[in-house]
Amino acid sequence: MPLPYDLCARVQNAFRARHRYLAVEHSKQNLAIFSILLRAGFLSNITRGTIASPSPFDFQHVSEPQRRIWAELKYRDDRPVLSSMSLISMPSRRVFMDVSEIRRICSGRRAQTIKPLGLGEIAVVKTKSKEHEWLEAREALTLGFTGEVVCRAR
């Protein structure tokens, strides 16, 4: 299973290099994080494809190692919409938060060692729920889910 820090680094580097598309390994985790970034407005589009191209038809007919998720990066006035994507929970130090701590970082206060979310900033939370395994912090707060705060983007 790919680790989230790889995805964070790839997304941040692709925006800094002004790429139009980014292709990452197809996994449930990467697809969930990309869908959260899409809903938050950091990406224009996501689609499944192969190593060669973003083609959903070809995706069905290739083996697992060749499957990719393609994300179209979003720019406004020739400047990247996403300026920074960083990891919060690391393999050496997992950060789990309950509802009250998630509420604190969403409302502008520090929780544990995590700085509060700023204006236009999101945090990705991995919950234990099967239906809603990956959520944005404000969605997790609304639904009352606790979990591991994986990364943040602004």
N, C-alpha and C. Protein backbone atom coordinates (compact mmCIF):
# COMPACT_ATOMS: atom_id res chain seq x y z
N MET A 1 0.85 -1.19 0.00
CA MET A 1 0.00 0.00 0.00
C MET A 1 0.88 1.24 0.00
N PRO A 2 0.60 2.19 -0.90
CA PRO A 2 1.41 3.41 -0.94
C PRO A 2 1.13 4.27 0.29
N LEU A 3 2.14 4.95 0.74
CA LEU A 3 2.00 5.80 1.91
C LEU A 3 1.55 7.20 1.50
N PRO A 4 0.82 7.89 2.35
CA PRO A 4 0.30 9.22 2.00
C PRO A 4 1.38 10.26 1.75
N TYR A 5 2.56 10.10 2.37
CA TYR A 5 3.59 11.12 2.15
C TYR A 5 4.05 11.14 0.70
N ASP A 6 4.00 10.00 0.02
CA ASP A 6 4.36 9.95 -1.39
C ASP A 6 3.37 10.78 -2.22
N LEU A 7 2.10 10.63 -1.94
CA LEU A 7 1.08 11.39 -2.67
C LEU A 7 1.22 12.88 -2.38
N CYS A 8 1.45 13.25 -1.13
CA CYS A 8 1.61 14.66 -0.77
C CYS A 8 2.79 15.29 -1.53
N ALA A 9 3.90 14.58 -1.56
CA ALA A 9 5.08 15.09 -2.26
C ALA A 9 4.84 15.20 -3.76
N ARG A 10 4.20 14.20 -4.34
CA ARG A 10 3.94 14.24 -5.79
C ARG A 10 3.01 15.38 -6.17
N VAL A 11 1.96 15.58 -5.40
CA VAL A 11 1.00 16.65 -5.70
C VAL A 11 1.68 18.01 -5.56
N GLN A 12 2.39 18.22 -4.48
CA GLN A 12 3.05 19.50 -4.26
C GLN A 12 4.09 19.77 -5.34
N ASN A 13 4.89 18.77 -5.70
CA ASN A 13 5.91 18.95 -6.73
C ASN A 13 5.29 19.20 -8.10
N ALA A 14 4.18 18.54 -8.41
CA ALA A 14 3.53 18.74 -9.71
C ALA A 14 2.99 20.16 -9.83
N PHE A 15 2.42 20.69 -8.76
CA PHE A 15 1.95 22.08 -8.78
C PHE A 15 3.12 23.05 -8.92
N ARG A 16 4.19 22.80 -8.21
CA ARG A 16 5.36 23.69 -8.30
C ARG A 16 6.02 23.67 -9.67
N ALA A 17 5.97 22.51 -10.33
CA ALA A 17 6.56 22.38 -11.66
C ALA A 17 5.59 22.81 -12.76
N ARG A 18 4.38 23.23 -12.37
CA ARG A 18 3.35 23.71 -13.29
C ARG A 18 2.89 22.64 -14.29
N HIS A 19 2.80 21.40 -13.83
CA HIS A 19 2.28 20.35 -14.70
C HIS A 19 0.77 20.52 -14.83
N ARG A 20 0.26 20.05 -15.96
CA ARG A 20 -1.20 20.10 -16.15
C ARG A 20 -1.86 18.87 -15.55
N TYR A 21 -1.23 17.71 -15.71
CA TYR A 21 -1.78 16.45 -15.20
C TYR A 21 -0.77 15.78 -14.27
N LEU A 22 -1.31 14.96 -13.39
CA LEU A 22 -0.49 14.16 -12.48
C LEU A 22 -1.07 12.75 -12.47
N ALA A 23 -0.22 11.77 -12.69
CA ALA A 23 -0.65 10.37 -12.64
C ALA A 23 0.00 9.69 -11.44
N VAL A 24 -0.82 9.06 -10.61
CA VAL A 24 -0.31 8.33 -9.44
C VAL A 24 -0.87 6.91 -9.47
N GLU A 25 -0.25 6.06 -8.69
CA GLU A 25 -0.66 4.67 -8.60
C GLU A 25 -2.13 4.56 -8.18
N HIS A 26 -2.84 3.63 -8.79
CA HIS A 26 -4.25 3.45 -8.46
C HIS A 26 -4.37 2.69 -7.14
N SER A 27 -4.97 3.34 -6.16
CA SER A 27 -5.27 2.69 -4.88
C SER A 27 -6.48 3.39 -4.29
N LYS A 28 -7.12 2.71 -3.38
CA LYS A 28 -8.30 3.27 -2.73
C LYS A 28 -7.95 4.55 -1.98
N GLN A 29 -6.79 4.55 -1.33
CA GLN A 29 -6.34 5.71 -0.57
C GLN A 29 -6.11 6.91 -1.48
N ASN A 30 -5.37 6.73 -2.57
CA ASN A 30 -5.08 7.83 -3.48
C ASN A 30 -6.36 8.38 -4.11
N LEU A 31 -7.27 7.49 -4.49
CA LEU A 31 -8.54 7.92 -5.08
C LEU A 31 -9.36 8.73 -4.07
N ALA A 32 -9.38 8.31 -2.82
CA ALA A 32 -10.13 9.01 -1.79
C ALA A 32 -9.54 10.40 -1.52
N ILE A 33 -8.22 10.49 -1.42
CA ILE A 33 -7.59 11.79 -1.16
C ILE A 33 -7.79 12.72 -2.35
N PHE A 34 -7.66 12.19 -3.57
CA PHE A 34 -7.91 13.02 -4.75
C PHE A 34 -9.35 13.50 -4.80
N SER A 35 -10.30 12.66 -4.42
CA SER A 35 -11.71 13.08 -4.45
C SER A 35 -11.96 14.18 -3.42
N ILE A 36 -11.29 14.13 -2.29
CA ILE A 36 -11.41 15.20 -1.29
C ILE A 36 -10.80 16.49 -1.84
N LEU A 37 -9.65 16.40 -2.49
CA LEU A 37 -9.03 17.59 -3.10
C LEU A 37 -9.90 18.15 -4.22
N LEU A 38 -10.57 17.28 -4.96
CA LEU A 38 -11.47 17.72 -6.02
C LEU A 38 -12.67 18.46 -5.43
N ARG A 39 -13.28 17.91 -4.38
CA ARG A 39 -14.42 18.57 -3.75
C ARG A 39 -14.03 19.90 -3.12
N ALA A 40 -12.79 20.00 -2.64
CA ALA A 40 -12.32 21.24 -2.02
C ALA A 40 -11.92 22.29 -3.05
N GLY A 41 -11.83 21.90 -4.32
CA GLY A 41 -11.53 22.86 -5.37
C GLY A 41 -10.06 22.98 -5.74
N PHE A 42 -9.23 22.06 -5.29
CA PHE A 42 -7.81 22.10 -5.62
C PHE A 42 -7.51 21.43 -6.96
N LEU A 43 -8.39 20.54 -7.42
CA LEU A 43 -8.21 19.84 -8.68
C LEU A 43 -9.39 20.13 -9.60
N SER A 44 -9.14 20.09 -10.92
CA SER A 44 -10.21 20.31 -11.89
C SER A 44 -10.96 19.03 -12.21
N ASN A 45 -10.23 17.91 -12.26
CA ASN A 45 -10.83 16.66 -12.70
C ASN A 45 -9.96 15.49 -12.26
N ILE A 46 -10.58 14.35 -11.98
CA ILE A 46 -9.84 13.11 -11.76
C ILE A 46 -10.46 12.02 -12.62
N THR A 47 -9.63 11.16 -13.15
CA THR A 47 -10.10 10.05 -13.97
C THR A 47 -9.14 8.88 -13.83
N ARG A 48 -9.65 7.70 -14.13
CA ARG A 48 -8.80 6.52 -14.11
C ARG A 48 -8.21 6.33 -15.49
N GLY A 49 -7.01 5.72 -15.53
CA GLY A 49 -6.36 5.49 -16.80
C GLY A 49 -5.20 4.52 -16.64
N THR A 50 -4.31 4.56 -17.62
CA THR A 50 -3.14 3.69 -17.62
C THR A 50 -1.90 4.56 -17.48
N ILE A 51 -0.75 3.91 -17.55
CA ILE A 51 0.51 4.65 -17.48
C ILE A 51 0.60 5.64 -18.64
N ALA A 52 0.08 5.25 -19.80
CA ALA A 52 0.21 6.05 -21.01
C ALA A 52 -0.75 7.24 -21.07
N SER A 53 -2.01 7.04 -20.66
CA SER A 53 -2.99 8.11 -20.85
C SER A 53 -4.15 7.98 -19.87
N PRO A 54 -4.89 9.07 -19.67
CA PRO A 54 -6.08 9.01 -18.82
C PRO A 54 -7.29 8.48 -19.61
N SER A 55 -7.39 7.19 -19.75
CA SER A 55 -8.45 6.58 -20.53
C SER A 55 -9.19 5.55 -19.68
N PRO A 56 -10.43 5.85 -19.26
CA PRO A 56 -11.18 4.88 -18.45
C PRO A 56 -11.43 3.56 -19.18
N PHE A 57 -11.55 3.60 -20.51
CA PHE A 57 -11.77 2.37 -21.27
C PHE A 57 -10.55 1.46 -21.17
N ASP A 58 -9.34 2.03 -21.35
CA ASP A 58 -8.12 1.24 -21.25
C ASP A 58 -7.88 0.74 -19.83
N PHE A 59 -8.36 1.49 -18.84
CA PHE A 59 -8.20 1.12 -17.43
C PHE A 59 -8.79 -0.26 -17.16
N GLN A 60 -9.90 -0.55 -17.80
CA GLN A 60 -10.59 -1.82 -17.59
C GLN A 60 -9.80 -3.01 -18.14
N HIS A 61 -8.92 -2.76 -19.11
CA HIS A 61 -8.28 -3.85 -19.85
C HIS A 61 -6.78 -4.00 -19.58
N VAL A 62 -6.28 -3.39 -18.52
CA VAL A 62 -4.86 -3.54 -18.18
C VAL A 62 -4.74 -4.18 -16.81
N SER A 63 -3.55 -4.69 -16.52
CA SER A 63 -3.32 -5.32 -15.21
C SER A 63 -3.15 -4.25 -14.13
N GLU A 64 -3.24 -4.68 -12.89
CA GLU A 64 -3.19 -3.77 -11.74
C GLU A 64 -1.94 -2.88 -11.69
N PRO A 65 -0.74 -3.39 -11.96
CA PRO A 65 0.43 -2.50 -11.87
C PRO A 65 0.44 -1.36 -12.89
N GLN A 66 -0.34 -1.46 -13.95
CA GLN A 66 -0.36 -0.42 -14.97
C GLN A 66 -1.49 0.59 -14.77
N ARG A 67 -2.32 0.39 -13.78
CA ARG A 67 -3.44 1.29 -13.54
C ARG A 67 -2.98 2.55 -12.81
N ARG A 68 -3.53 3.68 -13.23
CA ARG A 68 -3.18 4.97 -12.64
C ARG A 68 -4.43 5.81 -12.42
N ILE A 69 -4.32 6.77 -11.52
CA ILE A 69 -5.33 7.80 -11.34
C ILE A 69 -4.73 9.09 -11.88
N TRP A 70 -5.43 9.72 -12.79
CA TRP A 70 -4.97 10.96 -13.40
C TRP A 70 -5.74 12.13 -12.80
N ALA A 71 -5.03 13.14 -12.36
CA ALA A 71 -5.64 14.34 -11.81
C ALA A 71 -5.25 15.53 -12.66
N GLU A 72 -6.24 16.35 -13.00
CA GLU A 72 -5.96 17.59 -13.72
C GLU A 72 -5.81 18.69 -12.68
N LEU A 73 -4.63 19.29 -12.64
CA LEU A 73 -4.32 20.29 -11.64
C LEU A 73 -4.96 21.63 -12.01
N LYS A 74 -5.32 22.40 -11.00
CA LYS A 74 -6.06 23.62 -11.21
C LYS A 74 -5.18 24.84 -10.94
N TYR A 75 -5.26 25.80 -11.86
CA TYR A 75 -4.51 27.05 -11.74
C TYR A 75 -5.47 28.22 -11.90
N ARG A 76 -5.19 29.31 -11.20
CA ARG A 76 -5.99 30.52 -11.33
C ARG A 76 -5.04 31.68 -11.56
N ASP A 77 -5.26 32.40 -12.64
CA ASP A 77 -4.38 33.51 -13.03
C ASP A 77 -2.93 33.04 -13.13
N ASP A 78 -2.74 31.86 -13.71
CA ASP A 78 -1.43 31.25 -13.92
C ASP A 78 -0.67 30.99 -12.61
N ARG A 79 -1.40 30.88 -11.50
CA ARG A 79 -0.81 30.54 -10.22
C ARG A 79 -1.49 29.28 -9.70
N PRO A 80 -0.75 28.37 -9.08
CA PRO A 80 -1.37 27.14 -8.58
C PRO A 80 -2.39 27.41 -7.46
N VAL A 81 -3.49 26.69 -7.51
CA VAL A 81 -4.52 26.83 -6.47
C VAL A 81 -4.01 26.22 -5.16
N LEU A 82 -3.31 25.11 -5.25
CA LEU A 82 -2.76 24.45 -4.06
C LEU A 82 -1.32 24.94 -3.86
N SER A 83 -1.05 25.55 -2.74
CA SER A 83 0.30 26.07 -2.50
C SER A 83 1.14 25.12 -1.66
N SER A 84 0.49 24.30 -0.82
CA SER A 84 1.24 23.42 0.05
C SER A 84 0.39 22.23 0.45
N MET A 85 1.01 21.05 0.47
CA MET A 85 0.34 19.85 0.96
C MET A 85 1.35 19.12 1.83
N SER A 86 1.00 18.96 3.10
CA SER A 86 1.97 18.37 4.02
C SER A 86 1.33 17.26 4.84
N LEU A 87 2.18 16.38 5.30
CA LEU A 87 1.76 15.23 6.09
C LEU A 87 1.63 15.63 7.55
N ILE A 88 0.58 15.18 8.21
CA ILE A 88 0.43 15.42 9.65
C ILE A 88 0.77 14.15 10.41
N SER A 89 0.13 13.05 10.05
CA SER A 89 0.36 11.77 10.70
C SER A 89 1.45 11.03 9.95
N MET A 90 2.53 10.73 10.61
CA MET A 90 3.67 10.07 9.97
C MET A 90 3.76 8.63 10.44
N PRO A 91 4.46 7.78 9.70
CA PRO A 91 4.59 6.39 10.14
C PRO A 91 5.19 6.25 11.53
N SER A 92 6.08 7.16 11.89
CA SER A 92 6.71 7.09 13.21
C SER A 92 5.87 7.72 14.32
N ARG A 93 4.89 8.57 13.93
CA ARG A 93 4.06 9.26 14.92
C ARG A 93 2.67 9.47 14.34
N ARG A 94 1.78 8.56 14.66
CA ARG A 94 0.40 8.65 14.19
C ARG A 94 -0.35 9.69 15.03
N VAL A 95 -1.22 10.46 14.37
CA VAL A 95 -1.99 11.49 15.06
C VAL A 95 -3.47 11.13 14.95
N PHE A 96 -4.04 10.64 16.05
CA PHE A 96 -5.45 10.32 16.12
C PHE A 96 -6.16 11.40 16.92
N MET A 97 -7.33 11.80 16.44
CA MET A 97 -8.09 12.86 17.13
C MET A 97 -9.53 12.42 17.32
N ASP A 98 -10.08 12.83 18.47
CA ASP A 98 -11.50 12.61 18.69
C ASP A 98 -12.27 13.83 18.17
N VAL A 99 -13.57 13.82 18.31
CA VAL A 99 -14.40 14.88 17.75
C VAL A 99 -14.05 16.24 18.34
N SER A 100 -13.78 16.31 19.64
CA SER A 100 -13.47 17.61 20.25
C SER A 100 -12.15 18.18 19.72
N GLU A 101 -11.17 17.33 19.47
CA GLU A 101 -9.89 17.82 18.93
C GLU A 101 -10.04 18.24 17.46
N ILE A 102 -10.83 17.50 16.69
CA ILE A 102 -11.08 17.91 15.29
C ILE A 102 -11.82 19.25 15.28
N ARG A 103 -12.75 19.42 16.21
CA ARG A 103 -13.47 20.69 16.32
C ARG A 103 -12.50 21.83 16.63
N ARG A 104 -11.53 21.57 17.47
CA ARG A 104 -10.54 22.60 17.82
C ARG A 104 -9.73 23.05 16.61
N ILE A 105 -9.20 22.11 15.83
CA ILE A 105 -8.39 22.54 14.68
C ILE A 105 -9.24 23.19 13.59
N CYS A 106 -10.51 22.80 13.49
CA CYS A 106 -11.41 23.41 12.49
C CYS A 106 -11.86 24.81 12.91
N SER A 107 -11.89 25.08 14.20
CA SER A 107 -12.36 26.38 14.68
C SER A 107 -11.22 27.35 14.97
N GLY A 108 -10.00 27.00 14.59
CA GLY A 108 -8.90 27.95 14.72
C GLY A 108 -8.09 27.84 15.98
N ARG A 109 -8.13 26.68 16.65
CA ARG A 109 -7.33 26.50 17.86
C ARG A 109 -6.44 25.27 17.69
N ARG A 110 -5.36 25.28 18.39
CA ARG A 110 -4.40 24.17 18.33
C ARG A 110 -4.94 22.96 19.09
N ALA A 111 -4.69 21.77 18.52
CA ALA A 111 -5.05 20.52 19.20
C ALA A 111 -3.84 19.61 19.14
N GLN A 112 -3.45 19.05 20.26
CA GLN A 112 -2.23 18.27 20.39
C GLN A 112 -1.07 19.14 19.90
N THR A 113 -0.36 18.73 18.89
CA THR A 113 0.74 19.55 18.35
C THR A 113 0.40 20.08 16.97
N ILE A 114 -0.86 19.99 16.57
CA ILE A 114 -1.29 20.36 15.22
C ILE A 114 -1.77 21.81 15.21
N LYS A 115 -1.26 22.58 14.27
CA LYS A 115 -1.69 23.97 14.11
C LYS A 115 -3.12 23.98 13.57
N PRO A 116 -3.88 25.03 13.88
CA PRO A 116 -5.26 25.09 13.38
C PRO A 116 -5.30 25.27 11.87
N LEU A 117 -6.43 24.89 11.29
CA LEU A 117 -6.63 25.06 9.85
C LEU A 117 -6.89 26.53 9.56
N GLY A 118 -6.23 27.04 8.54
CA GLY A 118 -6.43 28.42 8.15
C GLY A 118 -7.55 28.55 7.15
N LEU A 119 -7.76 29.74 6.66
CA LEU A 119 -8.80 30.01 5.68
C LEU A 119 -8.48 29.30 4.38
N GLY A 120 -9.38 28.51 3.87
CA GLY A 120 -9.18 27.78 2.63
C GLY A 120 -8.32 26.54 2.77
N GLU A 121 -8.04 26.15 3.98
CA GLU A 121 -7.18 24.99 4.22
C GLU A 121 -8.06 23.80 4.63
N ILE A 122 -7.65 22.60 4.21
CA ILE A 122 -8.39 21.39 4.56
C ILE A 122 -7.46 20.39 5.23
N ALA A 123 -8.05 19.47 5.95
CA ALA A 123 -7.30 18.35 6.53
C ALA A 123 -8.04 17.07 6.14
N VAL A 124 -7.29 16.02 5.84
CA VAL A 124 -7.85 14.74 5.45
C VAL A 124 -7.81 13.81 6.66
N VAL A 125 -8.96 13.21 6.97
CA VAL A 125 -9.10 12.33 8.13
C VAL A 125 -9.47 10.93 7.65
N LYS A 126 -8.74 9.94 8.16
CA LYS A 126 -9.06 8.54 7.88
C LYS A 126 -9.82 8.00 9.09
N THR A 127 -11.08 7.62 8.88
CA THR A 127 -11.92 7.14 9.97
C THR A 127 -11.98 5.62 9.95
N LYS A 128 -12.62 5.06 10.96
CA LYS A 128 -12.78 3.61 11.05
C LYS A 128 -14.06 3.14 10.36
N SER A 129 -14.90 4.06 9.91
CA SER A 129 -16.16 3.71 9.28
C SER A 129 -15.91 3.11 7.89
N LYS A 130 -16.67 2.11 7.53
CA LYS A 130 -16.54 1.49 6.20
C LYS A 130 -17.19 2.36 5.13
N GLU A 131 -18.30 3.03 5.48
CA GLU A 131 -18.98 3.89 4.51
C GLU A 131 -18.18 5.15 4.21
N HIS A 132 -17.68 5.78 5.25
CA HIS A 132 -16.97 7.05 5.11
C HIS A 132 -15.55 6.87 5.65
N GLU A 133 -14.74 6.16 4.92
CA GLU A 133 -13.40 5.88 5.43
C GLU A 133 -12.49 7.10 5.35
N TRP A 134 -12.62 7.89 4.29
CA TRP A 134 -11.79 9.08 4.11
C TRP A 134 -12.70 10.29 4.04
N LEU A 135 -12.46 11.28 4.91
CA LEU A 135 -13.28 12.48 4.95
C LEU A 135 -12.40 13.71 5.15
N GLU A 136 -12.94 14.85 4.75
CA GLU A 136 -12.31 16.12 5.09
C GLU A 136 -12.65 16.40 6.55
N ALA A 137 -11.82 17.12 7.26
CA ALA A 137 -11.99 17.31 8.71
C ALA A 137 -13.35 17.89 9.07
N ARG A 138 -13.84 18.85 8.30
CA ARG A 138 -15.13 19.46 8.61
C ARG A 138 -16.28 18.48 8.38
N GLU A 139 -16.13 17.61 7.37
CA GLU A 139 -17.15 16.57 7.15
C GLU A 139 -17.14 15.57 8.30
N ALA A 140 -15.95 15.18 8.75
CA ALA A 140 -15.84 14.25 9.88
C ALA A 140 -16.45 14.85 11.14
N LEU A 141 -16.25 16.14 11.32
CA LEU A 141 -16.82 16.83 12.47
C LEU A 141 -18.35 16.84 12.39
N THR A 142 -18.89 17.12 11.22
CA THR A 142 -20.34 17.14 11.03
C THR A 142 -20.96 15.77 11.28
N LEU A 143 -20.29 14.72 10.79
CA LEU A 143 -20.82 13.36 10.96
C LEU A 143 -20.47 12.75 12.31
N GLY A 144 -19.58 13.39 13.06
CA GLY A 144 -19.22 12.91 14.39
C GLY A 144 -18.24 11.76 14.39
N PHE A 145 -17.37 11.69 13.37
CA PHE A 145 -16.39 10.61 13.28
C PHE A 145 -15.04 11.04 13.86
N THR A 146 -14.38 10.12 14.51
CA THR A 146 -13.02 10.34 14.97
C THR A 146 -12.09 9.61 14.01
N GLY A 147 -10.78 9.87 14.10
CA GLY A 147 -9.87 9.15 13.23
C GLY A 147 -8.48 9.75 13.20
N GLU A 148 -7.71 9.26 12.24
CA GLU A 148 -6.33 9.68 12.06
C GLU A 148 -6.30 10.86 11.09
N VAL A 149 -5.71 11.97 11.51
CA VAL A 149 -5.57 13.13 10.64
C VAL A 149 -4.31 12.92 9.82
N VAL A 150 -4.49 12.66 8.53
CA VAL A 150 -3.39 12.21 7.67
C VAL A 150 -2.57 13.37 7.11
N CYS A 151 -3.23 14.30 6.43
CA CYS A 151 -2.50 15.40 5.79
C CYS A 151 -3.35 16.65 5.73
N ARG A 152 -2.73 17.75 5.33
CA ARG A 152 -3.43 19.01 5.18
C ARG A 152 -3.01 19.65 3.86
N ALA A 153 -3.89 20.46 3.30
CA ALA A 153 -3.60 21.14 2.03
C ALA A 153 -4.15 22.56 2.10
N ARG A 154 -3.38 23.47 1.51
CA ARG A 154 -3.85 24.85 1.41
C ARG A 154 -3.39 25.46 0.11
